[in-house]
Structures are given as structure tokens and as C-alpha cells.
Amino acid sequence: MDEADRGSGAAVKAVIFDFGNVLCRLDRPAGNRAIASHCGLSPEEVDARIWGGDIERDAETGKIDSRTHFERVREALGAEASWSYGDFEREYMACLLPHPDGEAALAGVAKAGLRTFILSNTSFLHSRWIFLNEALATIPELYALSYKIGFMKPDPRCWLWILERAGLKPQECLYVDDVEAYCDAASALGLHSIQYDHKSENLLHKLLAVL
């Protein structure tokens, strides 16, 4: 589906933003390098052991709390006993970086009178970054964070959770993500959607072109 179809904006009342690589930038190698300093593994080996599997999914669906998450990461990596939860907190957050373009887009569509929401596959620790950023913490009216709602994109319940609570119809919402499969999942429910490349596109301009 091309973006002309995805973003007809006549009836759009709200924009739902993904978090990672939309409202913030993700540098996962940076976090892996910090964590690797506590074990005998390379950053690439750290990545393979703690991302994309049960540890990540259990943290991002709220099945485990952050301290259990740390213990499972430490066990999976065979990390040194002196590695503390406080160290893990800081190092696990090292992959999250500010993204002024995303923040400007959030503020811009809100100023234009559209309602705004955040929908993210995220853990408790990573979600804290949202609430340390004043724009991200104050502008959106609703946050659908996977560790809180108990399911992750592309599960349709993620978007339905927002629609129900916001009292909106699918066609009244525009969804923004950097992952094509998640845009397609939103479109399948009747939402407009656009895929955003933070490396080459200005998000506010991209949104205003379709709203």
C-alpha cells in the first residue's frame, strides 16, 4: 500500500507515534558495548543473547519486572557477580538517544489540533526515557506501552486498546512507525499509516503532506 492510500487525512483526528526510531533514536550497539564490559562476550554475542528472544519478550510484555529482567540477562551472559542492577539500568538505557525531528513532529501535529498517542513495544526501563523527556511526557494524552498492556505489535489488540480508550474509529487515526510490518498491521485494521525513515526524512513535513 503506498502512502497516498495510507494517509488520506480528511477524517484524521489523531496521530499514533511509535517510540523507537520515531520519537527517539535507537543505538542498540552502544548498549551492547556497555553491557559487554561485564562479561567475556563480544557486543554482537550480547545482542544475540538478550534481544529478540524470550528475555526481551517477557520484559516487554510485563511478564517479568526489571530486576528479574536483569537477573535473566546476567545469567544469559554469564556476567560477573559484581555487576549491579544500578549499572544495568544505566547501560540498558545507553541505546536511547534524543531525536529532535521526532519531537518536533509530535509538537507540530499537536499544535495543529490533532490528538496524539504513543504506542511502543518497550520494557519498563526503556519506557522511563519517555517520561524524562518533557515533550514526550506531556504532549501525548495516552500511552500504550507493551509492558503495561501485556501484548506487543503486531498484535491487533495494541491499536484496538488505544481506539477503545480514545473513543476513535480506525479511519480517524494515522499511525507512524519505522517498521513496515507494524504499519501494515495498523492498515489492516483500517488506520491510515506511514513508514518513517529517521535517517533520511523530516517527519513533520511527511505528516503535514498527508494530513
N, C-alpha and C. Protein backbone atom coordinates (compact mmCIF):
# COMPACT_ATOMS: atom_id res chain seq x y z
N MET A 1 0.86 -1.20 0.00
CA MET A 1 0.00 0.00 0.00
C MET A 1 0.89 1.24 0.00
N ASP A 2 0.67 2.18 -0.93
CA ASP A 2 1.53 3.35 -0.94
C ASP A 2 0.99 4.41 0.01
N GLU A 3 1.80 5.44 0.25
CA GLU A 3 1.44 6.40 1.27
C GLU A 3 0.29 7.29 0.87
N ALA A 4 0.02 7.44 -0.42
CA ALA A 4 -1.16 8.20 -0.81
C ALA A 4 -2.43 7.52 -0.30
N ASP A 5 -2.42 6.18 -0.34
CA ASP A 5 -3.55 5.44 0.19
C ASP A 5 -3.55 5.45 1.71
N ARG A 6 -2.35 5.36 2.30
CA ARG A 6 -2.28 5.26 3.74
C ARG A 6 -2.68 6.56 4.42
N GLY A 7 -2.43 7.67 3.84
CA GLY A 7 -2.57 8.90 4.57
C GLY A 7 -3.55 9.89 4.04
N SER A 8 -4.69 9.53 3.56
CA SER A 8 -5.68 10.48 3.07
C SER A 8 -6.08 11.35 4.21
N GLY A 9 -5.81 12.31 4.69
CA GLY A 9 -6.05 12.85 6.03
C GLY A 9 -7.32 13.54 6.31
N ALA A 10 -8.31 13.52 5.41
CA ALA A 10 -9.52 14.32 5.62
C ALA A 10 -10.17 14.06 6.97
N ALA A 11 -10.27 12.81 7.37
CA ALA A 11 -11.00 12.48 8.60
C ALA A 11 -10.07 12.23 9.77
N VAL A 12 -8.79 12.43 9.60
CA VAL A 12 -7.84 12.09 10.66
C VAL A 12 -7.94 13.07 11.82
N LYS A 13 -8.13 12.53 13.01
CA LYS A 13 -8.23 13.34 14.22
C LYS A 13 -7.06 13.12 15.18
N ALA A 14 -6.30 12.04 14.95
CA ALA A 14 -5.24 11.69 15.91
C ALA A 14 -4.07 11.04 15.19
N VAL A 15 -2.89 11.23 15.76
CA VAL A 15 -1.68 10.57 15.27
C VAL A 15 -1.12 9.70 16.38
N ILE A 16 -0.89 8.44 16.06
CA ILE A 16 -0.30 7.48 17.00
C ILE A 16 1.16 7.30 16.59
N PHE A 17 2.07 7.61 17.49
CA PHE A 17 3.51 7.53 17.21
C PHE A 17 4.12 6.30 17.85
N ASP A 18 4.95 5.59 17.09
CA ASP A 18 5.87 4.64 17.69
C ASP A 18 6.91 5.44 18.48
N PHE A 19 7.65 4.76 19.34
CA PHE A 19 8.67 5.42 20.15
C PHE A 19 10.06 5.29 19.53
N GLY A 20 10.60 4.07 19.46
CA GLY A 20 11.95 3.87 18.99
C GLY A 20 12.13 4.17 17.51
N ASN A 21 13.12 5.00 17.20
CA ASN A 21 13.43 5.45 15.84
C ASN A 21 12.31 6.26 15.21
N VAL A 22 11.40 6.76 16.05
CA VAL A 22 10.41 7.75 15.62
C VAL A 22 10.49 8.95 16.56
N LEU A 23 10.25 8.73 17.84
CA LEU A 23 10.34 9.82 18.82
C LEU A 23 11.69 9.86 19.53
N CYS A 24 12.41 8.76 19.50
CA CYS A 24 13.80 8.75 19.97
C CYS A 24 14.61 7.97 18.94
N ARG A 25 15.92 8.04 19.05
CA ARG A 25 16.79 7.22 18.20
C ARG A 25 17.30 6.03 19.00
N LEU A 26 17.40 4.90 18.33
CA LEU A 26 17.92 3.69 18.96
C LEU A 26 19.33 3.40 18.47
N ASP A 27 20.24 3.22 19.40
CA ASP A 27 21.61 2.81 19.07
C ASP A 27 21.91 1.57 19.90
N ARG A 28 21.32 0.44 19.50
CA ARG A 28 21.47 -0.78 20.30
C ARG A 28 22.92 -1.22 20.45
N PRO A 29 23.77 -1.05 19.42
CA PRO A 29 25.18 -1.42 19.61
C PRO A 29 25.84 -0.69 20.79
N ALA A 30 25.43 0.55 21.05
CA ALA A 30 26.02 1.28 22.18
C ALA A 30 25.67 0.61 23.50
N GLY A 31 24.42 0.19 23.64
CA GLY A 31 24.03 -0.52 24.85
C GLY A 31 24.74 -1.86 24.96
N ASN A 32 24.87 -2.55 23.84
CA ASN A 32 25.55 -3.85 23.86
C ASN A 32 27.01 -3.71 24.26
N ARG A 33 27.65 -2.65 23.79
CA ARG A 33 29.07 -2.44 24.14
C ARG A 33 29.21 -2.19 25.64
N ALA A 34 28.29 -1.40 26.20
CA ALA A 34 28.37 -1.12 27.65
C ALA A 34 28.15 -2.40 28.45
N ILE A 35 27.18 -3.20 28.06
CA ILE A 35 26.86 -4.43 28.78
C ILE A 35 27.97 -5.45 28.61
N ALA A 36 28.59 -5.49 27.44
CA ALA A 36 29.66 -6.47 27.18
C ALA A 36 30.86 -6.29 28.09
N SER A 37 31.01 -5.10 28.66
CA SER A 37 32.16 -4.86 29.55
C SER A 37 32.07 -5.67 30.83
N HIS A 38 30.93 -6.31 31.10
CA HIS A 38 30.74 -7.08 32.33
C HIS A 38 30.80 -8.59 32.09
N CYS A 39 31.15 -8.99 30.88
CA CYS A 39 31.22 -10.43 30.59
C CYS A 39 32.30 -10.65 29.53
N GLY A 40 32.56 -11.90 29.22
CA GLY A 40 33.60 -12.21 28.26
C GLY A 40 33.09 -12.34 26.84
N LEU A 41 31.98 -11.70 26.54
CA LEU A 41 31.36 -11.81 25.23
C LEU A 41 31.55 -10.54 24.42
N SER A 42 31.48 -10.68 23.11
CA SER A 42 31.52 -9.51 22.24
C SER A 42 30.16 -8.81 22.26
N PRO A 43 30.12 -7.54 21.85
CA PRO A 43 28.82 -6.86 21.75
C PRO A 43 27.84 -7.61 20.84
N GLU A 44 28.34 -8.24 19.80
CA GLU A 44 27.48 -9.00 18.89
C GLU A 44 26.89 -10.22 19.59
N GLU A 45 27.70 -10.87 20.43
CA GLU A 45 27.19 -12.02 21.18
C GLU A 45 26.18 -11.59 22.23
N VAL A 46 26.43 -10.45 22.85
CA VAL A 46 25.45 -9.89 23.80
C VAL A 46 24.13 -9.66 23.10
N ASP A 47 24.19 -9.06 21.92
CA ASP A 47 22.97 -8.77 21.16
C ASP A 47 22.18 -10.04 20.91
N ALA A 48 22.87 -11.10 20.49
CA ALA A 48 22.18 -12.35 20.15
C ALA A 48 21.54 -13.00 21.37
N ARG A 49 22.10 -12.78 22.54
CA ARG A 49 21.60 -13.47 23.73
C ARG A 49 20.49 -12.73 24.46
N ILE A 50 20.42 -11.40 24.33
CA ILE A 50 19.43 -10.68 25.14
C ILE A 50 18.33 -10.01 24.34
N TRP A 51 18.46 -9.98 23.01
CA TRP A 51 17.45 -9.33 22.18
C TRP A 51 16.78 -10.35 21.27
N GLY A 52 15.51 -10.15 21.01
CA GLY A 52 14.80 -10.96 20.03
C GLY A 52 14.32 -12.31 20.52
N GLY A 53 14.50 -12.59 21.80
CA GLY A 53 14.08 -13.88 22.34
C GLY A 53 13.16 -13.72 23.53
N ASP A 54 13.12 -14.77 24.35
CA ASP A 54 12.19 -14.78 25.49
C ASP A 54 12.49 -13.68 26.51
N ILE A 55 13.77 -13.37 26.71
CA ILE A 55 14.10 -12.35 27.71
C ILE A 55 13.48 -11.01 27.32
N GLU A 56 13.69 -10.61 26.07
CA GLU A 56 13.13 -9.34 25.62
C GLU A 56 11.61 -9.37 25.64
N ARG A 57 11.02 -10.45 25.12
CA ARG A 57 9.56 -10.53 25.07
C ARG A 57 8.94 -10.52 26.46
N ASP A 58 9.55 -11.24 27.40
CA ASP A 58 8.98 -11.28 28.75
C ASP A 58 9.07 -9.91 29.43
N ALA A 59 10.17 -9.18 29.18
CA ALA A 59 10.30 -7.83 29.75
C ALA A 59 9.32 -6.86 29.10
N GLU A 60 9.11 -7.01 27.79
CA GLU A 60 8.29 -6.05 27.06
C GLU A 60 6.81 -6.39 27.07
N THR A 61 6.44 -7.52 27.66
CA THR A 61 5.02 -7.80 27.87
C THR A 61 4.67 -7.79 29.36
N GLY A 62 5.61 -7.38 30.20
CA GLY A 62 5.34 -7.24 31.62
C GLY A 62 5.27 -8.55 32.38
N LYS A 63 5.77 -9.63 31.78
CA LYS A 63 5.76 -10.91 32.48
C LYS A 63 6.80 -10.96 33.59
N ILE A 64 7.85 -10.15 33.45
CA ILE A 64 8.88 -10.07 34.48
C ILE A 64 9.13 -8.60 34.82
N ASP A 65 9.52 -8.33 36.06
CA ASP A 65 9.85 -6.96 36.41
C ASP A 65 11.30 -6.67 36.04
N SER A 66 11.73 -5.44 36.26
CA SER A 66 13.05 -5.03 35.77
C SER A 66 14.19 -5.73 36.50
N ARG A 67 14.01 -6.06 37.76
CA ARG A 67 15.09 -6.75 38.47
C ARG A 67 15.20 -8.21 38.02
N THR A 68 14.06 -8.84 37.76
CA THR A 68 14.12 -10.19 37.20
C THR A 68 14.71 -10.15 35.79
N HIS A 69 14.37 -9.12 35.04
CA HIS A 69 14.96 -8.93 33.72
C HIS A 69 16.49 -8.89 33.83
N PHE A 70 16.99 -8.11 34.78
CA PHE A 70 18.43 -8.02 34.98
C PHE A 70 19.03 -9.37 35.33
N GLU A 71 18.41 -10.10 36.23
CA GLU A 71 18.95 -11.39 36.64
C GLU A 71 18.99 -12.37 35.45
N ARG A 72 17.98 -12.32 34.61
CA ARG A 72 17.96 -13.22 33.46
C ARG A 72 19.02 -12.82 32.42
N VAL A 73 19.22 -11.52 32.25
CA VAL A 73 20.28 -11.06 31.36
C VAL A 73 21.65 -11.47 31.91
N ARG A 74 21.85 -11.28 33.20
CA ARG A 74 23.15 -11.64 33.80
C ARG A 74 23.40 -13.13 33.65
N GLU A 75 22.39 -13.96 33.86
CA GLU A 75 22.56 -15.40 33.71
C GLU A 75 22.84 -15.77 32.25
N ALA A 76 22.12 -15.15 31.32
CA ALA A 76 22.29 -15.47 29.90
C ALA A 76 23.69 -15.11 29.41
N LEU A 77 24.28 -14.08 29.99
CA LEU A 77 25.59 -13.62 29.56
C LEU A 77 26.73 -14.22 30.37
N GLY A 78 26.42 -14.89 31.48
CA GLY A 78 27.47 -15.36 32.37
C GLY A 78 28.27 -14.18 32.91
N ALA A 79 27.58 -13.09 33.25
CA ALA A 79 28.24 -11.85 33.64
C ALA A 79 28.83 -11.95 35.04
N GLU A 80 29.75 -11.07 35.31
CA GLU A 80 30.45 -11.05 36.59
C GLU A 80 29.47 -10.73 37.73
N ALA A 81 29.74 -11.30 38.90
CA ALA A 81 28.84 -11.14 40.04
C ALA A 81 28.80 -9.70 40.54
N SER A 82 29.85 -8.94 40.27
CA SER A 82 29.90 -7.56 40.77
C SER A 82 29.03 -6.59 39.96
N TRP A 83 28.50 -7.06 38.85
CA TRP A 83 27.64 -6.20 38.02
C TRP A 83 26.34 -5.93 38.76
N SER A 84 26.03 -4.69 39.01
CA SER A 84 24.87 -4.34 39.83
C SER A 84 23.66 -3.98 38.97
N TYR A 85 22.50 -4.04 39.61
CA TYR A 85 21.27 -3.62 38.93
C TYR A 85 21.37 -2.15 38.52
N GLY A 86 21.96 -1.31 39.36
CA GLY A 86 22.12 0.10 39.01
C GLY A 86 22.95 0.29 37.76
N ASP A 87 24.03 -0.51 37.64
CA ASP A 87 24.84 -0.45 36.42
C ASP A 87 24.00 -0.85 35.21
N PHE A 88 23.24 -1.93 35.36
CA PHE A 88 22.41 -2.42 34.27
C PHE A 88 21.40 -1.36 33.84
N GLU A 89 20.77 -0.70 34.80
CA GLU A 89 19.81 0.36 34.47
C GLU A 89 20.44 1.39 33.53
N ARG A 90 21.62 1.87 33.90
CA ARG A 90 22.28 2.91 33.10
C ARG A 90 22.69 2.37 31.73
N GLU A 91 23.24 1.16 31.71
CA GLU A 91 23.78 0.63 30.47
C GLU A 91 22.69 0.17 29.52
N TYR A 92 21.60 -0.33 30.05
CA TYR A 92 20.48 -0.75 29.21
C TYR A 92 19.82 0.46 28.56
N MET A 93 19.91 1.61 29.22
CA MET A 93 19.36 2.84 28.68
C MET A 93 20.30 3.52 27.68
N ALA A 94 21.54 3.03 27.57
CA ALA A 94 22.53 3.70 26.73
C ALA A 94 22.18 3.70 25.25
N CYS A 95 21.26 2.82 24.86
CA CYS A 95 20.90 2.75 23.44
C CYS A 95 19.86 3.78 23.04
N LEU A 96 19.31 4.52 23.99
CA LEU A 96 18.26 5.50 23.70
C LEU A 96 18.87 6.90 23.62
N LEU A 97 18.59 7.59 22.51
CA LEU A 97 19.17 8.90 22.27
C LEU A 97 18.07 9.88 21.85
N PRO A 98 18.25 11.16 22.11
CA PRO A 98 17.25 12.14 21.68
C PRO A 98 17.08 12.15 20.17
N HIS A 99 15.87 12.51 19.73
CA HIS A 99 15.60 12.63 18.30
C HIS A 99 14.76 13.88 18.07
N PRO A 100 15.40 15.03 17.89
CA PRO A 100 14.67 16.30 17.77
C PRO A 100 13.64 16.31 16.65
N ASP A 101 13.90 15.61 15.55
CA ASP A 101 12.95 15.59 14.44
C ASP A 101 11.63 14.95 14.86
N GLY A 102 11.72 13.85 15.60
CA GLY A 102 10.51 13.20 16.08
C GLY A 102 9.76 14.06 17.07
N GLU A 103 10.50 14.69 17.97
CA GLU A 103 9.87 15.55 18.97
C GLU A 103 9.17 16.74 18.29
N ALA A 104 9.81 17.30 17.26
CA ALA A 104 9.20 18.42 16.54
C ALA A 104 7.92 18.00 15.84
N ALA A 105 7.90 16.78 15.32
CA ALA A 105 6.70 16.27 14.66
C ALA A 105 5.56 16.10 15.67
N LEU A 106 5.88 15.55 16.83
CA LEU A 106 4.87 15.38 17.88
C LEU A 106 4.28 16.73 18.28
N ALA A 107 5.16 17.70 18.53
CA ALA A 107 4.70 19.03 18.93
C ALA A 107 3.93 19.70 17.79
N GLY A 108 4.39 19.49 16.56
CA GLY A 108 3.76 20.15 15.42
C GLY A 108 2.35 19.67 15.16
N VAL A 109 2.12 18.37 15.22
CA VAL A 109 0.76 17.88 14.96
C VAL A 109 -0.17 18.22 16.12
N ALA A 110 0.37 18.25 17.34
CA ALA A 110 -0.44 18.66 18.48
C ALA A 110 -0.85 20.13 18.34
N LYS A 111 0.08 20.97 17.89
CA LYS A 111 -0.22 22.39 17.69
C LYS A 111 -1.27 22.56 16.60
N ALA A 112 -1.27 21.64 15.64
CA ALA A 112 -2.26 21.70 14.55
C ALA A 112 -3.64 21.23 14.99
N GLY A 113 -3.75 20.78 16.24
CA GLY A 113 -5.05 20.42 16.79
C GLY A 113 -5.37 18.94 16.77
N LEU A 114 -4.40 18.11 16.42
CA LEU A 114 -4.64 16.66 16.42
C LEU A 114 -4.31 16.06 17.78
N ARG A 115 -5.07 15.05 18.15
CA ARG A 115 -4.75 14.30 19.37
C ARG A 115 -3.52 13.43 19.10
N THR A 116 -2.73 13.16 20.13
CA THR A 116 -1.51 12.37 19.94
C THR A 116 -1.42 11.28 20.99
N PHE A 117 -0.85 10.14 20.56
CA PHE A 117 -0.68 8.97 21.42
C PHE A 117 0.66 8.32 21.11
N ILE A 118 1.18 7.54 22.04
CA ILE A 118 2.38 6.75 21.82
C ILE A 118 2.03 5.27 21.98
N LEU A 119 2.46 4.48 21.01
CA LEU A 119 2.29 3.02 21.05
C LEU A 119 3.66 2.40 20.84
N SER A 120 4.14 1.64 21.81
CA SER A 120 5.51 1.13 21.71
C SER A 120 5.64 -0.26 22.31
N ASN A 121 6.42 -1.10 21.64
CA ASN A 121 6.93 -2.32 22.25
C ASN A 121 8.12 -1.91 23.11
N THR A 122 7.96 -1.96 24.42
CA THR A 122 9.01 -1.45 25.28
C THR A 122 8.94 -2.08 26.67
N SER A 123 10.06 -2.06 27.34
CA SER A 123 10.14 -2.52 28.73
C SER A 123 9.95 -1.35 29.68
N PHE A 124 9.81 -1.67 30.97
CA PHE A 124 9.70 -0.62 31.98
C PHE A 124 10.91 0.31 31.93
N LEU A 125 12.11 -0.26 31.87
CA LEU A 125 13.31 0.57 31.92
C LEU A 125 13.38 1.52 30.73
N HIS A 126 13.13 1.01 29.53
CA HIS A 126 13.20 1.88 28.36
C HIS A 126 12.07 2.90 28.34
N SER A 127 10.91 2.53 28.86
CA SER A 127 9.80 3.48 28.85
C SER A 127 10.08 4.69 29.74
N ARG A 128 10.94 4.53 30.72
CA ARG A 128 11.24 5.66 31.60
C ARG A 128 11.83 6.84 30.83
N TRP A 129 12.51 6.51 29.71
CA TRP A 129 13.12 7.57 28.89
C TRP A 129 12.05 8.54 28.39
N ILE A 130 10.86 8.01 28.09
CA ILE A 130 9.76 8.86 27.63
C ILE A 130 9.46 9.93 28.66
N PHE A 131 9.41 9.53 29.92
CA PHE A 131 8.94 10.43 30.97
C PHE A 131 10.06 11.29 31.55
N LEU A 132 11.28 11.10 31.04
CA LEU A 132 12.37 12.01 31.35
C LEU A 132 12.49 13.11 30.30
N ASN A 133 11.68 13.00 29.25
CA ASN A 133 11.67 13.98 28.16
C ASN A 133 10.37 14.78 28.27
N GLU A 134 10.46 16.07 28.51
CA GLU A 134 9.26 16.84 28.82
C GLU A 134 8.22 16.81 27.70
N ALA A 135 8.66 16.91 26.45
CA ALA A 135 7.70 16.91 25.34
C ALA A 135 6.99 15.57 25.25
N LEU A 136 7.74 14.49 25.33
CA LEU A 136 7.15 13.16 25.21
C LEU A 136 6.27 12.83 26.41
N ALA A 137 6.60 13.39 27.56
CA ALA A 137 5.85 13.09 28.78
C ALA A 137 4.59 13.93 28.93
N THR A 138 4.52 15.07 28.24
CA THR A 138 3.40 15.99 28.47
C THR A 138 2.46 16.13 27.28
N ILE A 139 2.93 15.94 26.06
CA ILE A 139 2.07 16.19 24.90
C ILE A 139 1.08 15.05 24.64
N PRO A 140 1.52 13.78 24.55
CA PRO A 140 0.54 12.71 24.25
C PRO A 140 -0.47 12.55 25.38
N GLU A 141 -1.68 12.22 25.01
CA GLU A 141 -2.72 12.04 26.04
C GLU A 141 -2.84 10.60 26.50
N LEU A 142 -2.26 9.66 25.76
CA LEU A 142 -2.40 8.25 26.10
C LEU A 142 -1.15 7.49 25.66
N TYR A 143 -0.72 6.53 26.48
CA TYR A 143 0.48 5.74 26.20
C TYR A 143 0.11 4.27 26.23
N ALA A 144 0.25 3.59 25.10
CA ALA A 144 0.03 2.15 25.03
C ALA A 144 1.41 1.50 25.01
N LEU A 145 1.91 1.16 26.17
CA LEU A 145 3.25 0.60 26.33
C LEU A 145 3.11 -0.90 26.58
N SER A 146 3.81 -1.69 25.78
CA SER A 146 3.55 -3.13 25.77
C SER A 146 3.72 -3.77 27.15
N TYR A 147 4.69 -3.31 27.93
CA TYR A 147 4.89 -3.94 29.24
C TYR A 147 3.71 -3.68 30.17
N LYS A 148 2.93 -2.63 29.87
CA LYS A 148 1.75 -2.31 30.68
C LYS A 148 0.50 -3.00 30.16
N ILE A 149 0.33 -3.04 28.83
CA ILE A 149 -0.91 -3.59 28.29
C ILE A 149 -0.84 -5.09 28.08
N GLY A 150 0.39 -5.66 28.08
CA GLY A 150 0.53 -7.12 28.07
C GLY A 150 0.63 -7.77 26.71
N PHE A 151 0.68 -6.99 25.64
CA PHE A 151 0.87 -7.56 24.31
C PHE A 151 1.65 -6.57 23.45
N MET A 152 2.22 -7.11 22.36
CA MET A 152 3.16 -6.36 21.55
C MET A 152 2.71 -6.29 20.10
N LYS A 153 3.10 -5.22 19.42
CA LYS A 153 2.91 -5.16 17.98
C LYS A 153 3.63 -6.36 17.34
N PRO A 154 3.03 -6.96 16.33
CA PRO A 154 1.87 -6.51 15.54
C PRO A 154 0.52 -7.04 16.00
N ASP A 155 0.38 -7.44 17.25
CA ASP A 155 -0.91 -7.90 17.77
C ASP A 155 -1.94 -6.78 17.58
N PRO A 156 -3.05 -7.05 16.90
CA PRO A 156 -4.06 -6.01 16.66
C PRO A 156 -4.58 -5.36 17.93
N ARG A 157 -4.51 -6.07 19.05
CA ARG A 157 -5.02 -5.51 20.29
C ARG A 157 -4.28 -4.24 20.71
N CYS A 158 -3.05 -4.05 20.23
CA CYS A 158 -2.31 -2.84 20.57
C CYS A 158 -3.05 -1.59 20.08
N TRP A 159 -3.47 -1.59 18.82
CA TRP A 159 -4.18 -0.44 18.27
C TRP A 159 -5.62 -0.38 18.80
N LEU A 160 -6.24 -1.53 18.95
CA LEU A 160 -7.61 -1.55 19.46
C LEU A 160 -7.67 -1.00 20.89
N TRP A 161 -6.63 -1.24 21.66
CA TRP A 161 -6.55 -0.73 23.04
C TRP A 161 -6.64 0.79 23.03
N ILE A 162 -5.93 1.44 22.12
CA ILE A 162 -5.96 2.90 22.01
C ILE A 162 -7.32 3.36 21.50
N LEU A 163 -7.80 2.74 20.43
CA LEU A 163 -9.06 3.18 19.83
C LEU A 163 -10.21 3.14 20.84
N GLU A 164 -10.26 2.07 21.62
CA GLU A 164 -11.33 1.93 22.60
C GLU A 164 -11.27 3.02 23.65
N ARG A 165 -10.10 3.27 24.17
CA ARG A 165 -9.96 4.24 25.25
C ARG A 165 -10.06 5.69 24.76
N ALA A 166 -9.67 5.91 23.52
CA ALA A 166 -9.73 7.27 22.98
C ALA A 166 -11.08 7.58 22.35
N GLY A 167 -11.91 6.55 22.16
CA GLY A 167 -13.21 6.77 21.53
C GLY A 167 -13.11 7.17 20.07
N LEU A 168 -12.14 6.57 19.36
CA LEU A 168 -11.89 6.90 17.96
C LEU A 168 -12.15 5.71 17.06
N LYS A 169 -12.48 6.00 15.80
CA LYS A 169 -12.60 4.98 14.78
C LYS A 169 -11.25 4.79 14.10
N PRO A 170 -10.97 3.61 13.55
CA PRO A 170 -9.67 3.39 12.90
C PRO A 170 -9.34 4.45 11.85
N GLN A 171 -10.32 4.80 11.02
CA GLN A 171 -10.06 5.74 9.93
C GLN A 171 -9.82 7.16 10.41
N GLU A 172 -10.01 7.40 11.69
CA GLU A 172 -9.74 8.72 12.26
C GLU A 172 -8.32 8.85 12.78
N CYS A 173 -7.52 7.79 12.62
CA CYS A 173 -6.17 7.77 13.18
C CYS A 173 -5.12 7.53 12.10
N LEU A 174 -3.98 8.17 12.28
CA LEU A 174 -2.80 7.94 11.44
C LEU A 174 -1.72 7.35 12.33
N TYR A 175 -1.15 6.23 11.91
CA TYR A 175 -0.11 5.56 12.69
C TYR A 175 1.24 5.74 12.02
N VAL A 176 2.27 6.03 12.82
CA VAL A 176 3.64 6.26 12.32
C VAL A 176 4.59 5.27 12.96
N ASP A 177 5.35 4.56 12.13
CA ASP A 177 6.33 3.60 12.65
C ASP A 177 7.47 3.50 11.64
N ASP A 178 8.63 3.05 12.11
CA ASP A 178 9.74 2.80 11.19
C ASP A 178 9.72 1.38 10.65
N VAL A 179 8.86 0.52 11.20
CA VAL A 179 8.81 -0.89 10.81
C VAL A 179 7.61 -1.11 9.89
N GLU A 180 7.87 -1.57 8.67
CA GLU A 180 6.80 -1.72 7.68
C GLU A 180 5.72 -2.70 8.15
N ALA A 181 6.12 -3.79 8.78
CA ALA A 181 5.15 -4.80 9.20
C ALA A 181 4.15 -4.23 10.20
N TYR A 182 4.60 -3.30 11.04
CA TYR A 182 3.69 -2.70 12.01
C TYR A 182 2.76 -1.70 11.34
N CYS A 183 3.26 -0.98 10.35
CA CYS A 183 2.38 -0.10 9.56
C CYS A 183 1.32 -0.93 8.85
N ASP A 184 1.72 -2.06 8.29
CA ASP A 184 0.77 -2.92 7.59
C ASP A 184 -0.29 -3.47 8.55
N ALA A 185 0.12 -3.82 9.77
CA ALA A 185 -0.83 -4.33 10.75
C ALA A 185 -1.86 -3.26 11.12
N ALA A 186 -1.40 -2.01 11.26
CA ALA A 186 -2.33 -0.91 11.55
C ALA A 186 -3.28 -0.69 10.37
N SER A 187 -2.73 -0.72 9.17
CA SER A 187 -3.56 -0.51 7.97
C SER A 187 -4.63 -1.60 7.84
N ALA A 188 -4.28 -2.82 8.23
CA ALA A 188 -5.23 -3.93 8.13
C ALA A 188 -6.44 -3.71 9.03
N LEU A 189 -6.27 -2.89 10.08
CA LEU A 189 -7.38 -2.57 10.98
C LEU A 189 -8.18 -1.36 10.50
N GLY A 190 -7.71 -0.72 9.44
CA GLY A 190 -8.42 0.44 8.92
C GLY A 190 -7.79 1.78 9.26
N LEU A 191 -6.66 1.78 10.00
CA LEU A 191 -5.97 3.02 10.29
C LEU A 191 -5.18 3.46 9.05
N HIS A 192 -4.98 4.75 8.88
CA HIS A 192 -4.00 5.24 7.93
C HIS A 192 -2.62 4.99 8.56
N SER A 193 -1.59 4.79 7.76
CA SER A 193 -0.27 4.60 8.33
C SER A 193 0.81 5.08 7.38
N ILE A 194 1.92 5.51 7.95
CA ILE A 194 3.09 5.86 7.15
C ILE A 194 4.32 5.26 7.81
N GLN A 195 5.22 4.80 6.98
CA GLN A 195 6.52 4.31 7.45
C GLN A 195 7.52 5.46 7.38
N TYR A 196 8.29 5.63 8.42
CA TYR A 196 9.20 6.77 8.54
C TYR A 196 10.64 6.29 8.66
N ASP A 197 11.53 6.90 7.89
CA ASP A 197 12.96 6.61 7.95
C ASP A 197 13.65 7.80 8.59
N HIS A 198 14.06 7.63 9.84
CA HIS A 198 14.63 8.76 10.58
C HIS A 198 15.96 9.23 10.00
N LYS A 199 16.60 8.42 9.17
CA LYS A 199 17.90 8.79 8.62
C LYS A 199 17.79 9.73 7.43
N SER A 200 16.63 9.75 6.78
CA SER A 200 16.54 10.50 5.52
C SER A 200 15.32 11.40 5.39
N GLU A 201 14.39 11.34 6.35
CA GLU A 201 13.14 12.07 6.18
C GLU A 201 12.89 13.04 7.32
N ASN A 202 12.17 14.11 7.03
CA ASN A 202 11.69 15.04 8.04
C ASN A 202 10.27 14.62 8.39
N LEU A 203 10.05 14.20 9.62
CA LEU A 203 8.78 13.59 9.97
C LEU A 203 7.63 14.59 9.95
N LEU A 204 7.84 15.79 10.42
CA LEU A 204 6.75 16.76 10.42
C LEU A 204 6.32 17.07 8.99
N HIS A 205 7.28 17.27 8.09
CA HIS A 205 6.93 17.53 6.69
C HIS A 205 6.18 16.34 6.11
N LYS A 206 6.63 15.15 6.44
CA LYS A 206 5.98 13.94 5.93
C LYS A 206 4.52 13.83 6.43
N LEU A 207 4.32 14.18 7.68
CA LEU A 207 2.97 14.12 8.24
C LEU A 207 2.07 15.21 7.65
N LEU A 208 2.58 16.41 7.57
CA LEU A 208 1.76 17.51 7.06
C LEU A 208 1.37 17.29 5.61
N ALA A 209 2.16 16.53 4.89
CA ALA A 209 1.85 16.25 3.49
C ALA A 209 0.65 15.33 3.33
N VAL A 210 0.33 14.58 4.38
CA VAL A 210 -0.78 13.63 4.26
C VAL A 210 -1.96 13.95 5.18
N LEU A 211 -1.81 14.96 6.03
CA LEU A 211 -2.90 15.32 6.95
C LEU A 211 -3.75 16.46 6.38
